[in-house]
C-alpha atoms as a PDB file:
ATOM      1  CA  MET A   1     180.563  31.166-102.834  1.00  0.00           C
ATOM      2  CA  LEU A   2     182.410  28.410-104.708  1.00  0.00           C
ATOM      3  CA  SER A   3     182.712  26.352-101.505  1.00  0.00           C
ATOM      4  CA  GLN A   4     178.944  26.651-100.974  1.00  0.00           C
ATOM      5  CA  ILE A   5     178.294  25.397-104.503  1.00  0.00           C
ATOM      6  CA  ALA A   6     180.788  22.545-104.098  1.00  0.00           C
ATOM      7  CA  SER A   7     179.255  21.497-100.781  1.00  0.00           C
ATOM      8  CA  ARG A   8     175.779  21.357-102.378  1.00  0.00           C
ATOM      9  CA  ARG A   9     176.962  18.537-104.635  1.00  0.00           C
ATOM     10  CA  LEU A  10     177.252  16.324-101.565  1.00  0.00           C
ATOM     11  CA  TYR A  11     173.496  16.455-100.997  1.00  0.00           C
ATOM     12  CA  PRO A  12     170.949  14.937-103.370  1.00  0.00           C
ATOM     13  CA  ARG A  13     168.029  16.712-104.961  1.00  0.00           C
ATOM     14  CA  ILE A  14     164.691  15.198-105.861  1.00  0.00           C
ATOM     15  CA  HIS A  15     164.578  13.278-109.149  1.00  0.00           C
ATOM     16  CA  PRO A  16     162.013  14.128-111.818  1.00  0.00           C
ATOM     17  CA  HIS A  17     158.660  12.355-111.467  1.00  0.00           C
ATOM     18  CA  VAL A  18     159.334  11.463-107.823  1.00  0.00           C
ATOM     19  CA  GLU A  19     157.659  13.111-104.849  1.00  0.00           C
ATOM     20  CA  ILE A  20     159.148  13.412-101.381  1.00  0.00           C
ATOM     21  CA  LYS A  21     158.020  14.824 -98.098  1.00  0.00           C
ATOM     22  CA  ILE A  22     159.635  15.061 -94.683  1.00  0.00           C
ATOM     23  CA  VAL A  23     157.264  14.315 -91.823  1.00  0.00           C
ATOM     24  CA  ASP A  24     157.296  14.285 -88.059  1.00  0.00           C
ATOM     25  CA  PRO A  25     157.583  10.558 -87.204  1.00  0.00           C
ATOM     26  CA  ALA A  26     155.133  10.908 -84.299  1.00  0.00           C
ATOM     27  CA  THR A  27     152.366  12.868 -86.057  1.00  0.00           C
ATOM     28  CA  ASN A  28     153.039  12.172 -89.766  1.00  0.00           C
ATOM     29  CA  GLU A  29     152.629  15.928 -90.399  1.00  0.00           C
ATOM     30  CA  VAL A  30     154.965  17.630 -92.884  1.00  0.00           C
ATOM     31  CA  VAL A  31     157.704  19.574 -91.073  1.00  0.00           C
ATOM     32  CA  PRO A  32     159.002  23.023 -92.118  1.00  0.00           C
ATOM     33  CA  ARG A  33     162.083  23.207 -94.347  1.00  0.00           C
ATOM     34  CA  GLY A  34     165.287  22.894 -92.372  1.00  0.00           C
ATOM     35  CA  GLN A  35     163.663  20.767 -89.658  1.00  0.00           C
ATOM     36  CA  SER A  36     164.453  17.077 -89.485  1.00  0.00           C
ATOM     37  CA  GLY A  37     161.876  14.359 -89.920  1.00  0.00           C
ATOM     38  CA  GLU A  38     161.299  11.052 -91.673  1.00  0.00           C
ATOM     39  CA  LEU A  39     161.937  11.035 -95.406  1.00  0.00           C
ATOM     40  CA  CYS A  40     158.965   9.669 -97.366  1.00  0.00           C
ATOM     41  CA  THR A  41     158.937   9.128-101.121  1.00  0.00           C
ATOM     42  CA  ARG A  42     156.387   8.228-103.769  1.00  0.00           C
ATOM     43  CA  GLY A  43     156.621   7.629-107.501  1.00  0.00           C
ATOM     44  CA  TYR A  44     157.959   5.222-110.099  1.00  0.00           C
ATOM     45  CA  SER A  45     161.002   4.339-107.985  1.00  0.00           C
ATOM     46  CA  VAL A  46     158.974   3.012-105.040  1.00  0.00           C
ATOM     47  CA  MET A  47     158.446  -0.730-104.885  1.00  0.00           C
ATOM     48  CA  LEU A  48     154.942  -2.168-104.951  1.00  0.00           C
ATOM     49  CA  GLY A  49     155.631  -4.146-101.784  1.00  0.00           C
ATOM     50  CA  TYR A  50     157.573  -6.943-100.148  1.00  0.00           C
ATOM     51  CA  TRP A  51     157.197 -10.330-101.811  1.00  0.00           C
ATOM     52  CA  ASN A  52     154.440 -12.310-100.070  1.00  0.00           C
ATOM     53  CA  ASN A  53     154.654 -10.114 -96.954  1.00  0.00           C
ATOM     54  CA  LEU A  54     151.619  -7.847 -96.594  1.00  0.00           C
ATOM     55  CA  GLU A  55     152.468  -6.938 -92.993  1.00  0.00           C
ATOM     56  CA  ALA A  56     155.947  -5.613 -93.870  1.00  0.00           C
ATOM     57  CA  THR A  57     154.488  -3.808 -96.904  1.00  0.00           C
ATOM     58  CA  SER A  58     151.831  -2.057 -94.806  1.00  0.00           C
ATOM     59  CA  GLN A  59     154.494  -0.939 -92.307  1.00  0.00           C
ATOM     60  CA  ALA A  60     156.669   0.580 -95.058  1.00  0.00           C
ATOM     61  CA  ILE A  61     154.082   1.914 -97.535  1.00  0.00           C
ATOM     62  CA  ASP A  62     150.977   3.766 -96.387  1.00  0.00           C
ATOM     63  CA  ALA A  63     147.538   3.876 -98.063  1.00  0.00           C
ATOM     64  CA  ALA A  64     148.506   6.967-100.107  1.00  0.00           C
ATOM     65  CA  ARG A  65     151.521   5.009-101.536  1.00  0.00           C
ATOM     66  CA  TRP A  66     154.114   6.997 -99.522  1.00  0.00           C
ATOM     67  CA  MET A  67     157.081   4.807 -98.647  1.00  0.00           C
ATOM     68  CA  HIS A  68     158.379   5.612 -95.163  1.00  0.00           C
ATOM     69  CA  THR A  69     162.136   5.140 -95.531  1.00  0.00           C
ATOM     70  CA  GLY A  70     163.123   5.242 -91.855  1.00  0.00           C
ATOM     71  CA  ASP A  71     165.740   7.860 -92.762  1.00  0.00           C
ATOM     72  CA  LEU A  72     165.816  11.147 -90.871  1.00  0.00           C
ATOM     73  CA  ALA A  73     166.429  14.040 -93.247  1.00  0.00           C
ATOM     74  CA  THR A  74     166.284  17.801 -93.679  1.00  0.00           C
ATOM     75  CA  MET A  75     165.567  19.815 -96.828  1.00  0.00           C
ATOM     76  CA  ASP A  76     166.875  23.313 -97.428  1.00  0.00           C
ATOM     77  CA  ASP A  77     165.102  26.108 -99.326  1.00  0.00           C
ATOM     78  CA  GLU A  78     166.754  25.069-102.599  1.00  0.00           C
ATOM     79  CA  GLY A  79     165.472  21.485-102.365  1.00  0.00           C
ATOM     80  CA  TYR A  80     168.710  19.806-101.288  1.00  0.00           C
ATOM     81  CA  LEU A  81     168.346  16.875 -98.895  1.00  0.00           C
ATOM     82  CA  ASN A  82     170.642  15.925 -96.040  1.00  0.00           C
ATOM     83  CA  ILE A  83     170.248  12.528 -94.365  1.00  0.00           C
ATOM     84  CA  VAL A  84     170.938  13.064 -90.661  1.00  0.00           C
ATOM     85  CA  GLY A  85     170.305   9.573 -89.297  1.00  0.00           C
ATOM     86  CA  ARG A  86     167.899   6.675 -88.940  1.00  0.00           C
ATOM     87  CA  ILE A  87     164.732   6.665 -86.841  1.00  0.00           C
ATOM     88  CA  LYS A  88     165.618   3.356 -85.203  1.00  0.00           C
ATOM     89  CA  ASP A  89     169.049   4.754 -84.246  1.00  0.00           C
ATOM     90  CA  MET A  90     167.731   8.058 -82.853  1.00  0.00           C
ATOM     91  CA  ILE A  91     168.278   8.495 -79.116  1.00  0.00           C
ATOM     92  CA  ILE A  92     165.767  10.513 -77.109  1.00  0.00           C
ATOM     93  CA  ARG A  93     167.443  11.956 -74.002  1.00  0.00           C
ATOM     94  CA  GLY A  94     165.099  13.929 -71.772  1.00  0.00           C
ATOM     95  CA  GLY A  95     162.927  14.918 -74.734  1.00  0.00           C
ATOM     96  CA  GLU A  96     165.907  15.953 -76.913  1.00  0.00           C
ATOM     97  CA  ASN A  97     166.551  14.041 -80.142  1.00  0.00           C
ATOM     98  CA  ILE A  98     170.138  12.892 -80.585  1.00  0.00           C
ATOM     99  CA  TYR A  99     171.282  11.560 -83.951  1.00  0.00           C
ATOM    100  CA  PRO A 100     174.204   9.132 -83.566  1.00  0.00           C
ATOM    101  CA  LYS A 101     175.501  10.090 -87.002  1.00  0.00           C
ATOM    102  CA  GLU A 102     176.130  13.657 -85.790  1.00  0.00           C
ATOM    103  CA  ILE A 103     178.296  12.471 -82.886  1.00  0.00           C
ATOM    104  CA  GLU A 104     180.081   9.895 -85.060  1.00  0.00           C
ATOM    105  CA  THR A 105     180.897  12.563 -87.665  1.00  0.00           C
ATOM    106  CA  VAL A 106     182.584  14.718 -85.019  1.00  0.00           C
ATOM    107  CA  VAL A 107     184.523  11.736 -83.637  1.00  0.00           C
ATOM    108  CA  TYR A 108     185.797  10.858 -87.137  1.00  0.00           C
ATOM    109  CA  GLN A 109     187.526  14.261 -87.217  1.00  0.00           C
ATOM    110  CA  LEU A 110     190.131  12.788 -84.865  1.00  0.00           C
ATOM    111  CA  PRO A 111     192.901  11.169 -86.941  1.00  0.00           C
ATOM    112  CA  GLU A 112     193.340   8.358 -84.415  1.00  0.00           C
ATOM    113  CA  ILE A 113     189.795   7.028 -84.910  1.00  0.00           C
ATOM    114  CA  ALA A 114     189.273   4.153 -87.368  1.00  0.00           C
ATOM    115  CA  GLU A 115     185.612   3.437 -86.561  1.00  0.00           C
ATOM    116  CA  ALA A 116     182.946   4.936 -84.331  1.00  0.00           C
ATOM    117  CA  ALA A 117     179.434   3.903 -83.336  1.00  0.00           C
ATOM    118  CA  VAL A 118     176.965   5.573 -80.997  1.00  0.00           C
ATOM    119  CA  VAL A 119     174.078   3.651 -79.472  1.00  0.00           C
ATOM    120  CA  GLY A 120     171.503   4.488 -76.835  1.00  0.00           C
ATOM    121  CA  ARG A 121     171.204   2.851 -73.452  1.00  0.00           C
ATOM    122  CA  ALA A 122     168.431   3.105 -70.908  1.00  0.00           C
ATOM    123  CA  HIS A 123     168.612   5.829 -68.274  1.00  0.00           C
ATOM    124  CA  GLN A 124     166.265   6.057 -65.272  1.00  0.00           C
ATOM    125  CA  ILE A 125     165.747   9.818 -65.464  1.00  0.00           C
ATOM    126  CA  TYR A 126     166.365  10.831 -69.093  1.00  0.00           C
ATOM    127  CA  GLY A 127     164.978   7.728 -70.809  1.00  0.00           C
ATOM    128  CA  GLU A 128     168.118   7.146 -72.886  1.00  0.00           C
ATOM    129  CA  GLU A 129     171.691   8.364 -73.082  1.00  0.00           C
ATOM    130  CA  PRO A 130     174.317   8.031 -75.819  1.00  0.00           C
ATOM    131  CA  VAL A 131     177.247   5.636 -75.476  1.00  0.00           C
ATOM    132  CA  LEU A 132     180.216   5.755 -77.857  1.00  0.00           C
ATOM    133  CA  PHE A 133     182.329   2.835 -79.068  1.00  0.00           C
ATOM    134  CA  VAL A 134     185.490   3.459 -81.093  1.00  0.00           C
ATOM    135  CA  SER A 135     188.376   1.515 -82.587  1.00  0.00           C
ATOM    136  CA  LEU A 136     191.708   3.124 -83.403  1.00  0.00           C
ATOM    137  CA  ASN A 137     193.848   3.241 -86.503  1.00  0.00           C
ATOM    138  CA  SER A 138     196.877   0.944 -86.432  1.00  0.00           C
ATOM    139  CA  GLY A 139     199.548   2.333 -84.116  1.00  0.00           C
ATOM    140  CA  ALA A 140     197.351   5.188 -82.863  1.00  0.00           C
ATOM    141  CA  ALA A 141     196.769   6.052 -79.222  1.00  0.00           C
ATOM    142  CA  ILE A 142     194.176   8.350 -77.677  1.00  0.00           C
ATOM    143  CA  THR A 143     192.443   8.619 -74.310  1.00  0.00           C
ATOM    144  CA  THR A 144     188.711   8.734 -73.702  1.00  0.00           C
ATOM    145  CA  GLU A 145     189.308  12.117 -72.032  1.00  0.00           C
ATOM    146  CA  ARG A 146     190.784  13.503 -75.264  1.00  0.00           C
ATOM    147  CA  ILE A 147     187.775  12.233 -77.214  1.00  0.00           C
ATOM    148  CA  GLN A 148     185.394  13.859 -74.699  1.00  0.00           C
ATOM    149  CA  ASP A 149     187.341  17.141 -74.925  1.00  0.00           C
ATOM    150  CA  HIS A 150     186.994  17.080 -78.714  1.00  0.00           C
ATOM    151  CA  LEU A 151     183.249  16.421 -78.455  1.00  0.00           C
ATOM    152  CA  ARG A 152     182.819  19.297 -75.962  1.00  0.00           C
ATOM    153  CA  GLU A 153     184.278  21.675 -78.560  1.00  0.00           C
ATOM    154  CA  SER A 154     181.681  20.754 -81.194  1.00  0.00           C
ATOM    155  CA  LEU A 155     178.492  19.418 -79.604  1.00  0.00           C
ATOM    156  CA  SER A 156     175.850  20.568 -77.152  1.00  0.00           C
ATOM    157  CA  LYS A 157     176.249  19.080 -73.685  1.00  0.00           C
ATOM    158  CA  PHE A 158     173.157  16.842 -73.925  1.00  0.00           C
ATOM    159  CA  LYS A 159     174.766  15.079 -76.915  1.00  0.00           C
ATOM    160  CA  HIS A 160     177.952  14.108 -75.069  1.00  0.00           C
ATOM    161  CA  PRO A 161     178.302  10.342 -74.613  1.00  0.00           C
ATOM    162  CA  ALA A 162     177.811   9.136 -71.068  1.00  0.00           C
ATOM    163  CA  GLU A 163     180.530   6.569 -71.669  1.00  0.00           C
ATOM    164  CA  ILE A 164     183.267   5.923 -74.232  1.00  0.00           C
ATOM    165  CA  THR A 165     184.701   2.466 -74.849  1.00  0.00           C
ATOM    166  CA  ILE A 166     187.781   1.817 -76.985  1.00  0.00           C
ATOM    167  CA  LEU A 167     187.744  -1.637 -78.602  1.00  0.00           C
ATOM    168  CA  ASP A 168     190.279  -3.403 -80.807  1.00  0.00           C
ATOM    169  CA  ASP A 169     187.561  -3.864 -83.462  1.00  0.00           C
ATOM    170  CA  LEU A 170     183.879  -3.004 -83.589  1.00  0.00           C
ATOM    171  CA  PRO A 171     181.555  -5.949 -84.301  1.00  0.00           C
ATOM    172  CA  LYS A 172     180.333  -6.275 -87.903  1.00  0.00           C
ATOM    173  CA  ASN A 173     177.225  -7.783 -89.430  1.00  0.00           C
ATOM    174  CA  PRO A 174     177.403 -10.175 -92.436  1.00  0.00           C
ATOM    175  CA  VAL A 175     177.589  -7.285 -94.946  1.00  0.00           C
ATOM    176  CA  GLY A 176     180.473  -5.617 -93.115  1.00  0.00           C
ATOM    177  CA  LYS A 177     178.590  -2.769 -91.423  1.00  0.00           C
ATOM    178  CA  ILE A 178     179.084  -1.966 -87.742  1.00  0.00           C
ATOM    179  CA  ASP A 179     176.674  -4.179 -85.801  1.00  0.00           C
ATOM    180  CA  LYS A 180     174.887  -1.709 -83.518  1.00  0.00           C
ATOM    181  CA  PRO A 181     172.406  -4.289 -82.146  1.00  0.00           C
ATOM    182  CA  THR A 182     175.370  -6.290 -80.797  1.00  0.00           C
ATOM    183  CA  LEU A 183     176.762  -3.136 -79.167  1.00  0.00           C
ATOM    184  CA  ARG A 184     173.341  -2.394 -77.601  1.00  0.00           C
ATOM    185  CA  ARG A 185     173.152  -5.957 -76.239  1.00  0.00           C
ATOM    186  CA  SER A 186     176.641  -5.628 -74.742  1.00  0.00           C
ATOM    187  CA  ILE A 187     175.512  -2.529 -72.836  1.00  0.00           C
ATOM    188  CA  ALA A 188     172.384  -4.298 -71.574  1.00  0.00           C
ATOM    189  CA  GLU A 189     174.437  -7.283 -70.394  1.00  0.00           C
ATOM    190  CA  VAL A 190     176.887  -5.042 -68.501  1.00  0.00           C
ATOM    191  CA  ARG A 191     174.122  -3.098 -66.712  1.00  0.00           C
ATOM    192  CA  ARG A 192     172.370  -6.217 -65.310  1.00  0.00           C
END
């Protein structure tokens, strides 16, 4: 019981005077609790819009003043939220939604892994498939087979990366985050 209470502190709850809803990104319909969808919020904390950019404002904030965050989230019966990924990062493989964050979280369980990033690449039959890039902690060694074995223990088969690449360092954007667009471009260049 205590571990359940402690784990709840990791997930946020809704603030007073703020509304949220979780919607299916394709239909904009509210999804049942426990199901993932796009997190939308409305209230005093939502900006009025982007400065001098009506187009960007209309893409982020709908006519009812709901801000579409682009975050994929779930809400449990007690109102706790869990962010499971980003819409733009979601990979759709044969109709199944794959959240890179879920795969990355499992990979980070391996002590050898310093950084991990999953991106989607085009596939003729399934539409997309996940590809994993990792860098290792200093002095660590691990094989791609060992990483795949670890993933098989924790994830459904459709979520297994089609390919794993070990790099010295993963590319970063100017704010220091892993640069997934660069990784996607590197896949596209290799497949030509």
